[in-house]
Amino acid sequence: MEDFLTAHFWVAVGQIILIDILLGGDNAVVIALACRQLPKAQRTKGIVWGTVGAIVLRVILIAFALTLLKVPFLKLVGGLLLLWIGVKLIAPDDEDGHDNIQGSDKLWGAVKTIIVADLVMSIDNVIAIAGAAQGAG
């Protein structure tokens, strides 16, 4: 209980929140695109349920990532993978990545789209958050 009162704990919480906000901006775009064809009455429900599903999925993934970070040399492999991803991002590419997100006119179709897209796009967020959480512990 004393850990909640230390500055170290709150700095770590702040880092985790900042990382998630910075890396999670694309998820808001996905939510908007997935719910754009829903009737106005269902749009808010789609946004809320999709967001709740994405948050639950993110918590599960973070727990899994924390476990994986204990594997020897996994950080080295992850660093090399991030280097490769960085090079691919710098290379010119005509794809936006968000143009293939299908909107749905059904509530649960939109929620499913949000959760699946969040799963695919949040791997970097999960690894960064797990790393920050492990470094804080």
C-alpha atoms as a PDB file:
ATOM      1  CA  MET A   1       0.000   0.000   0.000  1.00  0.00           C
ATOM      2  CA  GLU A   2       2.927   2.320   0.667  1.00  0.00           C
ATOM      3  CA  ASP A   3       3.952   2.048  -2.996  1.00  0.00           C
ATOM      4  CA  PHE A   4       0.932   4.133  -4.009  1.00  0.00           C
ATOM      5  CA  LEU A   5       2.295   7.057  -2.035  1.00  0.00           C
ATOM      6  CA  THR A   6       5.764   7.176  -3.616  1.00  0.00           C
ATOM      7  CA  ALA A   7       6.762   9.550  -6.378  1.00  0.00           C
ATOM      8  CA  HIS A   8       8.397   6.648  -8.241  1.00  0.00           C
ATOM      9  CA  PHE A   9       5.033   4.886  -8.534  1.00  0.00           C
ATOM     10  CA  TRP A  10       3.231   7.955  -9.875  1.00  0.00           C
ATOM     11  CA  VAL A  11       6.012   8.737 -12.363  1.00  0.00           C
ATOM     12  CA  ALA A  12       5.698   5.175 -13.663  1.00  0.00           C
ATOM     13  CA  VAL A  13       1.900   5.503 -13.935  1.00  0.00           C
ATOM     14  CA  GLY A  14       2.360   8.795 -15.793  1.00  0.00           C
ATOM     15  CA  GLN A  15       4.818   7.182 -18.216  1.00  0.00           C
ATOM     16  CA  ILE A  16       2.416   4.335 -18.921  1.00  0.00           C
ATOM     17  CA  ILE A  17      -0.490   6.714 -19.549  1.00  0.00           C
ATOM     18  CA  LEU A  18       1.619   8.962 -21.785  1.00  0.00           C
ATOM     19  CA  ILE A  19       2.904   6.006 -23.827  1.00  0.00           C
ATOM     20  CA  ASP A  20      -0.618   4.686 -24.289  1.00  0.00           C
ATOM     21  CA  ILE A  21      -1.975   8.084 -25.354  1.00  0.00           C
ATOM     22  CA  LEU A  22       0.862   8.727 -27.797  1.00  0.00           C
ATOM     23  CA  LEU A  23       0.678   5.309 -29.409  1.00  0.00           C
ATOM     24  CA  GLY A  24      -3.106   4.937 -29.300  1.00  0.00           C
ATOM     25  CA  GLY A  25      -4.174   7.796 -31.555  1.00  0.00           C
ATOM     26  CA  ASP A  26      -4.714   5.510 -34.520  1.00  0.00           C
ATOM     27  CA  ASN A  27      -7.220   3.491 -32.496  1.00  0.00           C
ATOM     28  CA  ALA A  28      -9.561   6.490 -32.357  1.00  0.00           C
ATOM     29  CA  VAL A  29      -9.508   6.613 -36.153  1.00  0.00           C
ATOM     30  CA  VAL A  30     -10.406   2.917 -36.313  1.00  0.00           C
ATOM     31  CA  ILE A  31     -13.323   3.397 -33.926  1.00  0.00           C
ATOM     32  CA  ALA A  32     -14.664   6.279 -36.014  1.00  0.00           C
ATOM     33  CA  LEU A  33     -14.298   4.369 -39.277  1.00  0.00           C
ATOM     34  CA  ALA A  34     -15.850   1.181 -37.916  1.00  0.00           C
ATOM     35  CA  CYS A  35     -18.915   3.022 -36.572  1.00  0.00           C
ATOM     36  CA  ARG A  36     -19.444   5.457 -39.424  1.00  0.00           C
ATOM     37  CA  GLN A  37     -22.192   3.403 -41.102  1.00  0.00           C
ATOM     38  CA  LEU A  38     -24.125   2.597 -37.936  1.00  0.00           C
ATOM     39  CA  PRO A  39     -27.480   4.292 -37.454  1.00  0.00           C
ATOM     40  CA  LYS A  40     -27.144   7.342 -35.232  1.00  0.00           C
ATOM     41  CA  ALA A  41     -28.947   5.608 -32.346  1.00  0.00           C
ATOM     42  CA  GLN A  42     -26.445   2.725 -32.340  1.00  0.00           C
ATOM     43  CA  ARG A  43     -23.277   4.721 -33.032  1.00  0.00           C
ATOM     44  CA  THR A  44     -22.644   5.588 -29.364  1.00  0.00           C
ATOM     45  CA  LYS A  45     -23.258   1.987 -28.304  1.00  0.00           C
ATOM     46  CA  GLY A  46     -20.797   0.791 -30.956  1.00  0.00           C
ATOM     47  CA  ILE A  47     -18.153   3.243 -29.781  1.00  0.00           C
ATOM     48  CA  VAL A  48     -18.631   2.343 -26.105  1.00  0.00           C
ATOM     49  CA  TRP A  49     -18.727  -1.460 -26.559  1.00  0.00           C
ATOM     50  CA  GLY A  50     -15.852  -1.394 -29.041  1.00  0.00           C
ATOM     51  CA  THR A  51     -13.763   0.677 -26.643  1.00  0.00           C
ATOM     52  CA  VAL A  52     -14.602  -1.574 -23.674  1.00  0.00           C
ATOM     53  CA  GLY A  53     -13.677  -4.650 -25.697  1.00  0.00           C
ATOM     54  CA  ALA A  54     -10.421  -3.042 -26.817  1.00  0.00           C
ATOM     55  CA  ILE A  55      -9.511  -2.101 -23.224  1.00  0.00           C
ATOM     56  CA  VAL A  56     -10.193  -5.625 -21.933  1.00  0.00           C
ATOM     57  CA  LEU A  57      -8.125  -7.060 -24.769  1.00  0.00           C
ATOM     58  CA  ARG A  58      -5.307  -4.596 -24.031  1.00  0.00           C
ATOM     59  CA  VAL A  59      -5.196  -5.611 -20.337  1.00  0.00           C
ATOM     60  CA  ILE A  60      -4.951  -9.281 -21.326  1.00  0.00           C
ATOM     61  CA  LEU A  61      -2.203  -8.518 -23.851  1.00  0.00           C
ATOM     62  CA  ILE A  62      -0.226  -6.468 -21.314  1.00  0.00           C
ATOM     63  CA  ALA A  63      -0.314  -9.347 -18.823  1.00  0.00           C
ATOM     64  CA  PHE A  64       0.897 -11.683 -21.568  1.00  0.00           C
ATOM     65  CA  ALA A  65       3.638  -9.239 -22.638  1.00  0.00           C
ATOM     66  CA  LEU A  66       4.871  -8.871 -19.050  1.00  0.00           C
ATOM     67  CA  THR A  67       5.287 -12.629 -18.940  1.00  0.00           C
ATOM     68  CA  LEU A  68       7.116 -12.670 -22.273  1.00  0.00           C
ATOM     69  CA  LEU A  69       9.525  -9.929 -21.206  1.00  0.00           C
ATOM     70  CA  LYS A  70      11.058 -12.403 -18.764  1.00  0.00           C
ATOM     71  CA  VAL A  71      12.232 -14.638 -21.641  1.00  0.00           C
ATOM     72  CA  PRO A  72      16.015 -14.291 -22.187  1.00  0.00           C
ATOM     73  CA  PHE A  73      17.112 -12.410 -25.335  1.00  0.00           C
ATOM     74  CA  LEU A  74      13.525 -11.570 -26.253  1.00  0.00           C
ATOM     75  CA  LYS A  75      14.260  -7.863 -25.794  1.00  0.00           C
ATOM     76  CA  LEU A  76      17.177  -8.141 -28.237  1.00  0.00           C
ATOM     77  CA  VAL A  77      14.980  -9.859 -30.822  1.00  0.00           C
ATOM     78  CA  GLY A  78      12.244  -7.279 -30.217  1.00  0.00           C
ATOM     79  CA  GLY A  79      14.767  -4.446 -30.653  1.00  0.00           C
ATOM     80  CA  LEU A  80      15.919  -5.880 -33.981  1.00  0.00           C
ATOM     81  CA  LEU A  81      12.308  -6.262 -35.056  1.00  0.00           C
ATOM     82  CA  LEU A  82      11.587  -2.634 -34.116  1.00  0.00           C
ATOM     83  CA  LEU A  83      14.645  -1.532 -36.098  1.00  0.00           C
ATOM     84  CA  TRP A  84      13.301  -3.384 -39.136  1.00  0.00           C
ATOM     85  CA  ILE A  85       9.845  -1.834 -38.652  1.00  0.00           C
ATOM     86  CA  GLY A  86      11.464   1.616 -38.382  1.00  0.00           C
ATOM     87  CA  VAL A  87      13.275   1.116 -41.675  1.00  0.00           C
ATOM     88  CA  LYS A  88      10.019  -0.024 -43.322  1.00  0.00           C
ATOM     89  CA  LEU A  89       8.266   3.093 -41.985  1.00  0.00           C
ATOM     90  CA  ILE A  90      10.937   5.410 -43.365  1.00  0.00           C
ATOM     91  CA  ALA A  91      10.748   3.827 -46.822  1.00  0.00           C
ATOM     92  CA  PRO A  92       8.197   5.577 -49.041  1.00  0.00           C
ATOM     93  CA  ASP A  93       4.855   3.820 -49.160  1.00  0.00           C
ATOM     94  CA  ASP A  94       1.581   4.838 -50.773  1.00  0.00           C
ATOM     95  CA  GLU A  95      -0.560   2.928 -48.272  1.00  0.00           C
ATOM     96  CA  ASP A  96      -2.313   4.755 -45.455  1.00  0.00           C
ATOM     97  CA  GLY A  97      -3.321   1.567 -43.682  1.00  0.00           C
ATOM     98  CA  HIS A  98      -6.729   2.837 -42.577  1.00  0.00           C
ATOM     99  CA  ASP A  99      -8.450   2.754 -45.968  1.00  0.00           C
ATOM    100  CA  ASN A 100      -9.235  -0.954 -45.754  1.00  0.00           C
ATOM    101  CA  ILE A 101     -11.195  -0.736 -42.476  1.00  0.00           C
ATOM    102  CA  GLN A 102     -14.717  -1.828 -43.180  1.00  0.00           C
ATOM    103  CA  GLY A 103     -17.560   0.092 -41.615  1.00  0.00           C
ATOM    104  CA  SER A 104     -20.574  -1.937 -40.576  1.00  0.00           C
ATOM    105  CA  ASP A 105     -24.244  -1.103 -40.432  1.00  0.00           C
ATOM    106  CA  LYS A 106     -24.694  -3.697 -37.650  1.00  0.00           C
ATOM    107  CA  LEU A 107     -23.734  -2.880 -34.051  1.00  0.00           C
ATOM    108  CA  TRP A 108     -21.832  -6.094 -33.260  1.00  0.00           C
ATOM    109  CA  GLY A 109     -20.097  -6.034 -36.649  1.00  0.00           C
ATOM    110  CA  ALA A 110     -18.683  -2.601 -35.818  1.00  0.00           C
ATOM    111  CA  VAL A 111     -17.698  -3.725 -32.306  1.00  0.00           C
ATOM    112  CA  LYS A 112     -15.926  -6.783 -33.747  1.00  0.00           C
ATOM    113  CA  THR A 113     -14.087  -4.583 -36.269  1.00  0.00           C
ATOM    114  CA  ILE A 114     -12.908  -2.254 -33.490  1.00  0.00           C
ATOM    115  CA  ILE A 115     -11.657  -5.106 -31.291  1.00  0.00           C
ATOM    116  CA  VAL A 116      -9.861  -6.944 -34.110  1.00  0.00           C
ATOM    117  CA  ALA A 117      -8.286  -3.747 -35.436  1.00  0.00           C
ATOM    118  CA  ASP A 118      -7.192  -2.798 -31.912  1.00  0.00           C
ATOM    119  CA  LEU A 119      -5.619  -6.229 -31.492  1.00  0.00           C
ATOM    120  CA  VAL A 120      -3.640  -5.825 -34.687  1.00  0.00           C
ATOM    121  CA  MET A 121      -2.621  -2.204 -34.090  1.00  0.00           C
ATOM    122  CA  SER A 122      -1.918  -2.271 -30.358  1.00  0.00           C
ATOM    123  CA  ILE A 123       0.978  -4.706 -30.232  1.00  0.00           C
ATOM    124  CA  ASP A 124       3.435  -1.787 -30.115  1.00  0.00           C
ATOM    125  CA  ASN A 125       1.409  -0.118 -27.357  1.00  0.00           C
ATOM    126  CA  VAL A 126       1.285  -3.291 -25.301  1.00  0.00           C
ATOM    127  CA  ILE A 127       5.030  -3.919 -25.541  1.00  0.00           C
ATOM    128  CA  ALA A 128       5.830  -0.305 -24.631  1.00  0.00           C
ATOM    129  CA  ILE A 129       3.445  -0.329 -21.677  1.00  0.00           C
ATOM    130  CA  ALA A 130       4.708  -3.691 -20.448  1.00  0.00           C
ATOM    131  CA  GLY A 131       8.295  -2.460 -20.725  1.00  0.00           C
ATOM    132  CA  ALA A 132       7.495   0.710 -18.792  1.00  0.00           C
ATOM    133  CA  ALA A 133       5.620  -1.268 -16.148  1.00  0.00           C
ATOM    134  CA  GLN A 134       8.472  -3.758 -15.780  1.00  0.00           C
ATOM    135  CA  GLY A 135      11.016  -0.930 -15.551  1.00  0.00           C
ATOM    136  CA  ALA A 136       8.952   0.704 -12.822  1.00  0.00           C
ATOM    137  CA  GLY A 137       8.724  -2.467 -10.732  1.00  0.00           C
END
